[in-house]
């Protein structure tokens, strides 16, 4: 080995040694780094859980907590970003471990956005119109049958396939519950919300979830007047389909709050 090779080997070795032994910024700073990464990871996991289970309460809890602790949230996010940069460019054992967590956080955030934007079943006003034309009568029958099952002066809500929002199933017998689930599945719907006290003049049949939002049918007990239809159409969440049926989109914590494609659908009619 010649003298030039010996010098280069020493430079490579000492350079690697300097990089691996990157000076720490102190135990307090490193502890704060780990804390920020842990907080962000927990928040992302909770949001992902809320999105996958369609539980707005979990997502809302994280958002409200972050908003209330604004003066803590901003430094935590800034430190998380700075920690990510350090983990990429430094090669200490701690940085390598934190880098794995940072990459996992990025993947988790991307998966959450993808889950919110890519629903299992797409939905829009045209799909709802087709469903209403084919199964509107059957959905009304479900409402009538359910009113007979639940006690008077009762607000009843159920969403099948979502344990977090399962609703008021305790007032039903096992046989009634199984029958209701079977009826809802027969028309490809996922839930029901009705007021059996007479204070509300419509019942809601939940059709499909998209992200954190919900597409539903409102079936009115009495035909709507022209004035009522115009008033309902002024609501950006609603589309009046006929004199007793209204399409509704309820936005979640994230995502659109209005009925997407409403103007185009109304113009085609």
Protein backbone atom coordinates (compact mmCIF):
# COMPACT_ATOMS: atom_id res chain seq x y z
CA UNK A 1 0.00 0.00 0.00
CA UNK A 2 1.52 3.33 -1.03
CA UNK A 3 1.62 6.50 1.06
CA UNK A 4 -1.31 8.14 -0.85
CA UNK A 5 -3.60 5.19 -0.10
CA UNK A 6 -2.66 5.28 3.58
CA UNK A 7 -3.53 9.02 3.77
CA UNK A 8 -6.91 8.51 2.04
CA UNK A 9 -7.78 5.59 4.32
CA UNK A 10 -7.03 7.74 7.36
CA UNK A 11 -9.18 10.57 5.98
CA UNK A 12 -12.10 8.18 5.37
CA UNK A 13 -11.75 6.70 8.82
CA UNK A 14 -11.50 9.97 10.67
CA UNK A 15 -14.31 11.47 8.58
CA UNK A 16 -16.60 8.57 9.42
CA UNK A 17 -15.58 8.78 13.04
CA UNK A 18 -16.39 12.51 13.18
CA UNK A 19 -19.80 11.86 11.63
CA UNK A 20 -20.66 8.95 13.91
CA UNK A 21 -19.54 10.91 16.92
CA UNK A 22 -21.59 14.01 16.00
CA UNK A 23 -21.72 16.21 19.06
CA UNK A 24 -24.94 15.98 21.04
CA UNK A 25 -26.85 19.18 21.76
CA UNK A 26 -27.36 18.18 25.35
CA UNK A 27 -29.55 15.66 27.17
CA UNK A 28 -32.45 18.11 27.51
CA UNK A 29 -32.55 18.82 23.77
CA UNK A 30 -32.34 15.12 22.90
CA UNK A 31 -35.12 14.32 25.37
CA UNK A 32 -37.29 17.02 23.81
CA UNK A 33 -36.60 15.52 20.37
CA UNK A 34 -37.77 12.12 21.51
CA UNK A 35 -40.83 13.64 23.18
CA UNK A 36 -41.83 15.57 20.05
CA UNK A 37 -41.52 12.46 17.88
CA UNK A 38 -43.57 10.46 20.38
CA UNK A 39 -46.34 13.09 20.55
CA UNK A 40 -46.59 13.37 16.77
CA UNK A 41 -46.66 9.58 16.39
CA UNK A 42 -49.45 9.20 18.96
CA UNK A 43 -51.48 12.00 17.35
CA UNK A 44 -51.15 10.45 13.90
CA UNK A 45 -52.11 7.01 15.22
CA UNK A 46 -55.23 8.43 16.87
CA UNK A 47 -56.24 10.29 13.71
CA UNK A 48 -55.69 7.17 11.61
CA UNK A 49 -57.79 5.15 14.09
CA UNK A 50 -60.56 7.72 13.89
CA UNK A 51 -60.55 7.70 10.09
CA UNK A 52 -60.57 3.91 9.81
CA UNK A 53 -63.38 3.52 12.37
CA UNK A 54 -65.29 6.60 11.11
CA UNK A 55 -65.16 7.99 14.63
CA UNK A 56 -65.29 11.77 14.44
CA UNK A 57 -64.88 12.06 18.21
CA UNK A 58 -61.34 10.69 18.17
CA UNK A 59 -60.25 12.98 15.35
CA UNK A 60 -62.02 15.96 16.92
CA UNK A 61 -60.31 15.26 20.25
CA UNK A 62 -56.86 15.38 18.63
CA UNK A 63 -57.67 18.52 16.63
CA UNK A 64 -59.17 20.37 19.61
CA UNK A 65 -56.32 19.33 21.87
CA UNK A 66 -53.79 20.58 19.31
CA UNK A 67 -55.71 23.85 18.86
CA UNK A 68 -56.09 24.52 22.58
CA UNK A 69 -52.39 23.86 23.20
CA UNK A 70 -51.41 26.01 20.19
CA UNK A 71 -48.29 27.35 21.86
CA UNK A 72 -47.15 23.79 22.50
CA UNK A 73 -48.24 22.30 19.17
CA UNK A 74 -46.19 24.69 17.01
CA UNK A 75 -42.87 24.07 18.85
CA UNK A 76 -43.52 20.31 18.86
CA UNK A 77 -44.10 20.24 15.10
CA UNK A 78 -41.09 22.50 14.47
CA UNK A 79 -38.89 20.30 16.65
CA UNK A 80 -40.22 17.20 14.87
CA UNK A 81 -39.19 18.68 11.52
CA UNK A 82 -35.78 19.71 12.82
CA UNK A 83 -35.33 16.26 14.36
CA UNK A 84 -36.16 14.68 11.01
CA UNK A 85 -33.45 16.77 9.36
CA UNK A 86 -30.91 15.83 12.03
CA UNK A 87 -31.84 12.15 11.78
CA UNK A 88 -31.16 12.20 8.04
CA UNK A 89 -27.78 13.92 8.18
CA UNK A 90 -26.33 12.60 11.44
CA UNK A 91 -25.37 8.98 11.95
CA UNK A 92 -25.53 8.41 15.67
CA UNK A 93 -27.38 5.42 17.01
CA UNK A 94 -30.13 7.65 18.43
CA UNK A 95 -30.58 9.41 15.10
CA UNK A 96 -30.92 6.12 13.24
CA UNK A 97 -33.65 4.99 15.65
CA UNK A 98 -35.48 8.32 15.42
CA UNK A 99 -35.24 8.19 11.63
CA UNK A 100 -37.28 4.98 11.64
CA UNK A 101 -39.99 6.73 13.68
CA UNK A 102 -39.95 9.77 11.37
CA UNK A 103 -40.35 7.58 8.29
CA UNK A 104 -43.18 5.69 10.01
CA UNK A 105 -44.88 9.00 10.79
CA UNK A 106 -44.66 10.12 7.17
CA UNK A 107 -46.08 6.79 5.97
CA UNK A 108 -48.85 6.99 8.57
CA UNK A 109 -49.77 10.54 7.53
CA UNK A 110 -49.84 9.54 3.87
CA UNK A 111 -51.96 6.48 4.58
CA UNK A 112 -54.42 8.59 6.56
CA UNK A 113 -54.82 11.09 3.71
CA UNK A 114 -55.21 8.22 1.23
CA UNK A 115 -57.87 6.56 3.40
CA UNK A 116 -59.79 9.84 3.57
CA UNK A 117 -59.60 10.43 -0.18
CA UNK A 118 -60.19 6.84 -1.35
CA UNK A 119 -63.47 5.56 0.09
CA UNK A 120 -64.45 1.92 -0.22
CA UNK A 121 -67.57 2.93 -2.14
CA UNK A 122 -67.73 6.15 -4.13
CA UNK A 123 -70.85 8.27 -3.93
CA UNK A 124 -72.41 11.32 -5.55
CA UNK A 125 -75.84 12.76 -6.31
CA UNK A 126 -76.30 10.62 -9.45
CA UNK A 127 -75.61 7.41 -7.53
CA UNK A 128 -78.07 8.50 -4.83
CA UNK A 129 -80.71 9.35 -7.43
CA UNK A 130 -80.38 5.90 -8.98
CA UNK A 131 -80.56 4.26 -5.56
CA UNK A 132 -83.62 6.30 -4.61
CA UNK A 133 -85.43 5.42 -7.83
CA UNK A 134 -84.83 1.71 -7.28
CA UNK A 135 -85.08 1.37 -3.49
CA UNK A 136 -86.74 4.54 -2.19
CA UNK A 137 -89.95 2.70 -1.37
CA UNK A 138 -88.08 -0.06 0.46
CA UNK A 139 -86.14 2.50 2.50
CA UNK A 140 -89.38 4.18 3.55
CA UNK A 141 -90.70 0.78 4.62
CA UNK A 142 -87.63 0.31 6.81
CA UNK A 143 -88.42 3.61 8.53
CA UNK A 144 -92.05 2.56 9.09
CA UNK A 145 -91.04 -0.86 10.46
CA UNK A 146 -88.42 0.65 12.77
CA UNK A 147 -90.93 3.11 14.20
CA UNK A 148 -93.00 0.11 15.27
CA UNK A 149 -89.98 -1.45 17.01
CA UNK A 150 -88.82 1.49 19.10
CA UNK A 151 -90.78 3.11 21.95
CA UNK A 152 -92.69 6.33 21.43
CA UNK A 153 -90.93 9.63 22.24
CA UNK A 154 -87.60 8.04 21.32
CA UNK A 155 -84.73 9.40 19.25
CA UNK A 156 -83.25 6.31 17.63
CA UNK A 157 -79.95 6.03 15.76
CA UNK A 158 -78.00 3.04 14.51
CA UNK A 159 -75.02 2.62 12.20
CA UNK A 160 -74.10 -0.94 11.33
CA UNK A 161 -70.50 -1.96 10.80
CA UNK A 162 -69.26 0.82 13.07
CA UNK A 163 -69.03 -0.17 16.73
CA UNK A 164 -67.96 3.36 17.70
CA UNK A 165 -71.25 4.79 16.36
CA UNK A 166 -73.42 1.73 16.81
CA UNK A 167 -76.18 3.78 18.39
CA UNK A 168 -79.24 2.94 20.46
CA UNK A 169 -79.34 -0.82 19.90
CA UNK A 170 -80.06 -1.55 23.56
CA UNK A 171 -83.73 -0.68 23.10
CA UNK A 172 -84.07 -3.44 20.50
CA UNK A 173 -84.28 -7.17 21.12
CA UNK A 174 -81.72 -9.36 19.41
CA UNK A 175 -84.36 -10.47 16.94
CA UNK A 176 -85.35 -6.89 16.13
CA UNK A 177 -81.74 -5.84 15.74
CA UNK A 178 -80.95 -8.70 13.36
CA UNK A 179 -84.08 -7.92 11.35
CA UNK A 180 -83.20 -4.23 11.07
CA UNK A 181 -79.63 -4.98 10.00
CA UNK A 182 -80.93 -7.40 7.37
CA UNK A 183 -83.36 -4.79 6.02
CA UNK A 184 -80.67 -2.11 5.82
CA UNK A 185 -78.27 -4.44 4.04
CA UNK A 186 -80.96 -5.41 1.56
CA UNK A 187 -80.96 -1.81 0.24
CA UNK A 188 -77.17 -1.35 0.63
CA UNK A 189 -77.54 1.19 3.44
CA UNK A 190 -75.60 1.41 6.67
CA UNK A 191 -77.73 3.20 9.22
CA UNK A 192 -80.89 4.90 10.35
CA UNK A 193 -81.68 8.01 12.38
CA UNK A 194 -85.28 8.81 13.31
CA UNK A 195 -87.26 10.77 15.86
CA UNK A 196 -90.21 8.77 17.14
CA UNK A 197 -91.46 11.63 19.30
CA UNK A 198 -93.03 13.58 16.45
CA UNK A 199 -90.79 16.62 16.87
CA UNK A 200 -88.98 16.03 13.56
CA UNK A 201 -90.83 15.71 10.27
CA UNK A 202 -88.28 13.49 8.53
CA UNK A 203 -86.21 10.35 9.05
CA UNK A 204 -82.68 9.77 7.82
CA UNK A 205 -81.41 6.63 6.14
CA UNK A 206 -77.61 6.58 6.06
CA UNK A 207 -76.33 5.47 2.68
CA UNK A 208 -72.53 5.61 2.40
CA UNK A 209 -69.52 7.04 4.15
CA UNK A 210 -66.83 8.79 2.19
CA UNK A 211 -63.81 9.66 4.29
CA UNK A 212 -65.21 11.23 7.44
CA UNK A 213 -68.39 12.37 5.66
CA UNK A 214 -71.76 10.67 5.30
CA UNK A 215 -74.24 10.57 2.42
CA UNK A 216 -77.83 10.07 3.57
CA UNK A 217 -81.43 10.19 2.43
CA UNK A 218 -83.98 12.32 4.22
CA UNK A 219 -87.52 11.00 3.90
CA UNK A 220 -90.14 13.56 4.93
CA UNK A 221 -93.43 12.52 6.48
CA UNK A 222 -95.38 15.20 4.60
CA UNK A 223 -94.76 16.57 1.11
CA UNK A 224 -92.66 19.72 1.11
CA UNK A 225 -94.05 22.98 -0.17
CA UNK A 226 -92.27 24.93 -2.90
CA UNK A 227 -91.07 27.42 -0.32
CA UNK A 228 -89.68 24.65 1.87
CA UNK A 229 -87.91 23.03 -1.08
CA UNK A 230 -86.28 26.33 -2.03
CA UNK A 231 -85.18 26.88 1.57
CA UNK A 232 -83.63 23.40 1.79
CA UNK A 233 -81.87 23.82 -1.55
CA UNK A 234 -80.21 26.94 -0.20
CA UNK A 235 -78.34 24.70 2.25
CA UNK A 236 -75.00 23.71 0.67
CA UNK A 237 -75.30 20.26 2.30
CA UNK A 238 -78.70 19.35 0.82
CA UNK A 239 -80.25 18.50 -2.55
CA UNK A 240 -84.02 18.33 -2.84
CA UNK A 241 -84.75 15.35 -5.10
CA UNK A 242 -88.53 15.39 -4.99
CA UNK A 243 -91.29 16.77 -2.78
CA UNK A 244 -90.56 14.32 0.06
CA UNK A 245 -86.95 13.17 -0.46
CA UNK A 246 -83.75 15.13 0.16
CA UNK A 247 -80.15 14.04 -0.36
CA UNK A 248 -77.83 15.06 2.45
CA UNK A 249 -74.06 15.17 2.87
CA UNK A 250 -72.71 15.56 6.38
CA UNK A 251 -69.05 16.55 6.41
CA UNK A 252 -66.67 15.20 9.02
CA UNK A 253 -63.88 16.90 10.91
CA UNK A 254 -61.70 16.83 7.78
CA UNK A 255 -62.67 17.10 4.15
CA UNK A 256 -65.41 18.98 2.31
CA UNK A 257 -68.42 20.23 4.25
CA UNK A 258 -70.74 20.80 1.29
CA UNK A 259 -72.36 18.40 -1.18
CA UNK A 260 -69.74 18.01 -3.91
CA UNK A 261 -71.19 18.28 -7.41
CA UNK A 262 -74.48 19.78 -6.20
CA UNK A 263 -74.54 22.63 -8.73
CA UNK A 264 -73.77 20.36 -11.67
CA UNK A 265 -76.46 17.87 -10.63
CA UNK A 266 -79.05 20.61 -10.17
CA UNK A 267 -78.23 22.09 -13.59
CA UNK A 268 -78.74 18.73 -15.31
CA UNK A 269 -82.21 18.24 -13.88
